[in-house]
Amino acid sequence: MPIITAKDFSSVGARAPGAPKPGDAPTAPAVAPAPLTEEQSDLCRVRDSLQQSEEFNQALLQTLTDLIFEVRKDGLIVAFHAPTDNDFHLTPETVMGKRVMDLVTSQVGQVAMHYLEKAFRTGQPQKFVCQYLLPGRLRHFEVRIALRGSSTAVTTVRDVTDRESLEREVIENSNRVQMRIGQDIHDGLGQHLTGITFLCRALEKGLTSKGLPEATEAAEISRLVIEALAQTRNLARGLFPVDVETTSICQSLRELARTIEQMFSISCAVECASDLVITHKGISTHLFRLAQEATNNAVKHGRAHRVSILLGSNDTQAVLRITDDGVGFPPTSERKNGLGLRIMAYRAQKIGGTLDIQPGQHGGTVVTCSFNPTLDEN
């Protein structure tokens, strides 16, 4: 018979740790959680990714100083975000459900709707600069439009007043330097060549009167100097053109065409609508400079042989169109953001217009500036 010790006795009737007390209801054994299915794991990952993306977007919006609109093709605003300290004092409650034309001036609204329609038509992002008068200061805003699906577009509005001021200073300085060089060429080198021309003619006459054979060489020198003088005058006229402030824009464009023909030996035709009247001299100056840049580009970069300049109007807009038969303009993705193109876009914007550069139907390039002929550029 086995011997029972005190230790063995003391354990009789003792409960194991966690064991139920006498009279307690029986408990179900602990069950380990079932492993997630592959579908449930995918849903969790998607949920976590969406949450992280939403947190990132919210943080990103808090860092932006731009106004952000989501706009339908008809101009209806369906979503809006702005920093709390925006100068417009706009809130989602005051913006959503309204149309673009309800929030800005008619001129700015027309330009905005033009680029919005173009974005939906071409599927390409659009960009333009407009002016808006806030209390105490005229501000410049850069507007960018990109499609969000097929029904709405996301539009950002950024204050670029300081940048526009710097660009304006660069352009004005460029114009002043160009005019000064043209005037120096005309008054300095041109007058110097004129004096040489008279001396060569006098030398030719003297040698001819003496029957010397060197008279032929003197005549050739005189001819070459006269050609150099003509080229110098054409160059000076291109840098320091006719005074647009004292002549009509049509007359200035015709003078530009004659200069282009003489300098590059090409055909340059001008057609102006007789019923189009532009009284604002600032607009005339911008149009002339824009046409000058476009024609020079057509000859130098497009290697065109024929250029036509059209200035006309329809019911609400005037149009300056420069067409050439050159090699064409590079696609948008291959264009270099050169100063010439930026200056052209700046001049179009200054007269409340839009600039469009497209390939011609039969080759070449078509540069079109649509604008309001009665607009005060300020």
Foldseek 3Di string as FASTA:
>chain_A
DDDQDPVNVVCVPDDDVPDDDPPDDDDDDDDDDDDDDPVVVVVVVVVVVVVVVVVVVVVVLQPDQKWKFKAFLVQATADIGHHCPDLVNDDRVVRHRDGPPVPAPPLVSVVVNVQSNVCLVPVDKDKAKAWDDGVPDIWIWIKIWHDDPNTIIMIIIGTCRVVVVVLVVVVVVVLVVLLVVLVCLCVPVLVVLVVVLVVLVVVLVVCVVVVHPCSVVSVVVSVVSVVVSVLSNLSSCLSNPDDLQPDPLQVRVVSLQVSLCVNQVAHEEEEEDPPDDFDDSLLSVLLSVLQSLVVVCCCPVQVFRYKYWYWADDDFKIKTKIWTAGQADDPPVPDDPDPSVVSNSSSLNLQSWGWDWDADPNGTIMIMIIHGSPDDSD
